[in-house]
Amino acid sequence: MSRVAFATGGILRQAPGHEQVQGFIDRLQSVFEAAETTEGFIDRSRWEKEWGDRVDPHFFDKNKHAFVALTLSVWVYLLSVYAFAYNGRHAEALSHRKDWFSMLSWPAYVVWWVSDDHVPTWEEAWERL
């Protein structure tokens, strides 16, 4: 059996604390909670837990793109990711992405299958992206 790994990345238009992106910051906890209560959710990377190695994508120039928002999660099936992303609290937040995030010249997310015993890493996510 396999699971779905899902990673996202975006560049905030301003530093956390700036009023332009405060709506994003204010929603983080409730969006994470919504993910964790969605059927099919298994786990997500938390910096404090150090799930896998956090490797910043090579295409993020730290001098130019200082404020990067990244997620990495594992789900039972792809429909559970879709249900979370396009419904409820996350869908509402997603409707503001143009206000909070710069336009990217690369995809904002990547999805791939992993075996039940595999823990995806950040490096793996960025290679796939």
Protein backbone atom coordinates (compact mmCIF):
# COMPACT_ATOMS: atom_id res chain seq x y z
CA MET A 1 0.00 0.00 0.00
CA SER A 2 1.17 3.56 -0.55
CA ARG A 3 0.48 7.02 0.79
CA VAL A 4 0.49 10.50 -0.71
CA ALA A 5 3.26 12.98 0.09
CA PHE A 6 2.34 16.62 -0.51
CA ALA A 7 4.70 19.61 -0.35
CA THR A 8 4.04 23.29 -0.96
CA GLY A 9 6.21 26.37 -1.15
CA GLY A 10 5.57 30.06 -1.53
CA ILE A 11 7.29 33.40 -1.11
CA LEU A 12 5.52 35.86 1.16
CA ARG A 13 5.20 39.39 -0.22
CA GLN A 14 6.33 40.86 3.10
CA ALA A 15 7.97 39.76 6.34
CA PRO A 16 5.83 38.06 8.98
CA GLY A 17 4.38 40.81 11.15
CA HIS A 18 3.72 43.11 8.19
CA GLU A 19 0.02 43.93 7.82
CA GLN A 20 -0.06 42.71 4.19
CA VAL A 21 0.64 39.10 5.24
CA GLN A 22 -0.81 39.13 8.76
CA GLY A 23 -3.99 37.42 7.55
CA PHE A 24 -1.86 34.46 6.45
CA ILE A 25 -0.01 34.35 9.78
CA ASP A 26 -3.27 34.63 11.74
CA ARG A 27 -4.76 31.62 9.90
CA LEU A 28 -1.80 29.24 10.21
CA GLN A 29 -2.84 27.46 13.40
CA SER A 30 -6.47 27.01 12.37
CA VAL A 31 -5.46 25.74 8.91
CA PHE A 32 -3.03 23.23 10.45
CA GLU A 33 -5.78 22.09 12.81
CA ALA A 34 -8.18 21.72 9.86
CA ALA A 35 -5.63 19.54 8.06
CA GLU A 36 -5.07 17.39 11.12
CA THR A 37 -8.80 16.72 11.50
CA THR A 38 -9.39 15.96 7.81
CA GLU A 39 -10.10 12.30 7.09
CA GLY A 40 -7.04 10.75 5.49
CA PHE A 41 -4.47 13.04 7.13
CA ILE A 42 -1.48 11.13 8.56
CA ASP A 43 1.17 13.66 9.60
CA ARG A 44 2.92 16.89 8.68
CA SER A 45 6.40 18.21 9.14
CA ARG A 46 6.82 20.46 12.14
CA TRP A 47 10.08 22.35 12.49
CA GLU A 48 10.27 21.59 16.20
CA LYS A 49 9.92 17.87 15.54
CA GLU A 50 12.48 17.80 12.71
CA TRP A 51 10.61 15.34 10.53
CA GLY A 52 13.09 14.60 7.79
CA ASP A 53 15.82 17.02 6.85
CA ARG A 54 14.64 20.52 6.06
CA VAL A 55 16.42 21.58 2.91
CA ASP A 56 15.49 24.89 1.35
CA PRO A 57 14.92 24.56 -2.39
CA HIS A 58 17.90 25.74 -4.43
CA PHE A 59 15.65 28.10 -6.41
CA PHE A 60 14.91 30.22 -3.32
CA ASP A 61 17.58 32.93 -3.28
CA LYS A 62 17.81 33.68 0.44
CA ASN A 63 18.93 37.26 -0.28
CA LYS A 64 15.97 37.90 -2.56
CA HIS A 65 13.33 35.55 -1.08
CA ALA A 66 13.80 35.83 2.66
CA PHE A 67 10.24 34.94 3.65
CA VAL A 68 9.42 31.45 2.41
CA ALA A 69 6.43 29.40 3.62
CA LEU A 70 6.84 25.63 3.23
CA THR A 71 4.70 22.60 4.10
CA LEU A 72 5.26 18.86 3.83
CA SER A 73 2.54 16.36 4.75
CA VAL A 74 1.50 12.75 4.25
CA TRP A 75 -2.03 11.58 3.49
CA VAL A 76 -3.82 8.26 3.02
CA TYR A 77 -5.11 9.18 -0.42
CA LEU A 78 -5.10 12.06 -2.88
CA LEU A 79 -8.81 12.83 -2.44
CA SER A 80 -8.16 13.65 1.22
CA VAL A 81 -5.60 16.30 0.18
CA TYR A 82 -8.12 17.72 -2.30
CA ALA A 83 -10.90 17.74 0.32
CA PHE A 84 -8.70 19.68 2.72
CA ALA A 85 -7.21 22.11 0.18
CA TYR A 86 -10.42 23.17 -1.54
CA ASN A 87 -12.89 23.22 1.34
CA GLY A 88 -13.28 24.96 4.66
CA ARG A 89 -10.61 27.05 6.35
CA HIS A 90 -7.84 26.28 3.83
CA ALA A 91 -10.02 27.13 0.83
CA GLU A 92 -10.91 30.45 2.43
CA ALA A 93 -7.22 31.19 3.05
CA LEU A 94 -6.31 30.04 -0.47
CA SER A 95 -8.62 32.71 -1.89
CA HIS A 96 -6.19 35.35 -0.50
CA ARG A 97 -2.97 33.84 -1.86
CA LYS A 98 -2.43 36.63 -4.41
CA ASP A 99 -2.52 39.16 -1.58
CA TRP A 100 0.00 37.27 0.55
CA PHE A 101 2.32 35.49 -1.90
CA SER A 102 4.44 36.51 -4.88
CA MET A 103 3.80 34.86 -8.22
CA LEU A 104 6.18 31.96 -8.80
CA SER A 105 7.94 30.90 -11.97
CA TRP A 106 7.73 27.27 -10.83
CA PRO A 107 4.88 25.09 -9.46
CA ALA A 108 3.71 25.89 -5.93
CA TYR A 109 3.22 22.25 -4.94
CA VAL A 110 4.27 18.69 -5.67
CA VAL A 111 2.48 15.40 -4.97
CA TRP A 112 3.97 11.91 -5.11
CA TRP A 113 3.33 8.40 -3.84
CA VAL A 114 5.44 6.95 -1.02
CA SER A 115 5.43 3.50 0.57
CA ASP A 116 3.89 3.06 4.02
CA ASP A 117 7.29 2.78 5.68
CA HIS A 118 8.89 5.75 3.92
CA VAL A 119 9.16 9.19 5.57
CA PRO A 120 9.47 11.83 2.83
CA THR A 121 12.16 14.45 3.23
CA TRP A 122 12.35 18.08 2.19
CA GLU A 123 15.21 17.28 -0.16
CA GLU A 124 13.06 14.65 -1.88
CA ALA A 125 10.21 17.14 -2.21
CA TRP A 126 12.36 19.79 -3.87
CA GLU A 127 13.97 17.28 -6.23
CA ARG A 128 10.51 16.25 -7.35
CA LEU A 129 9.33 19.85 -7.67
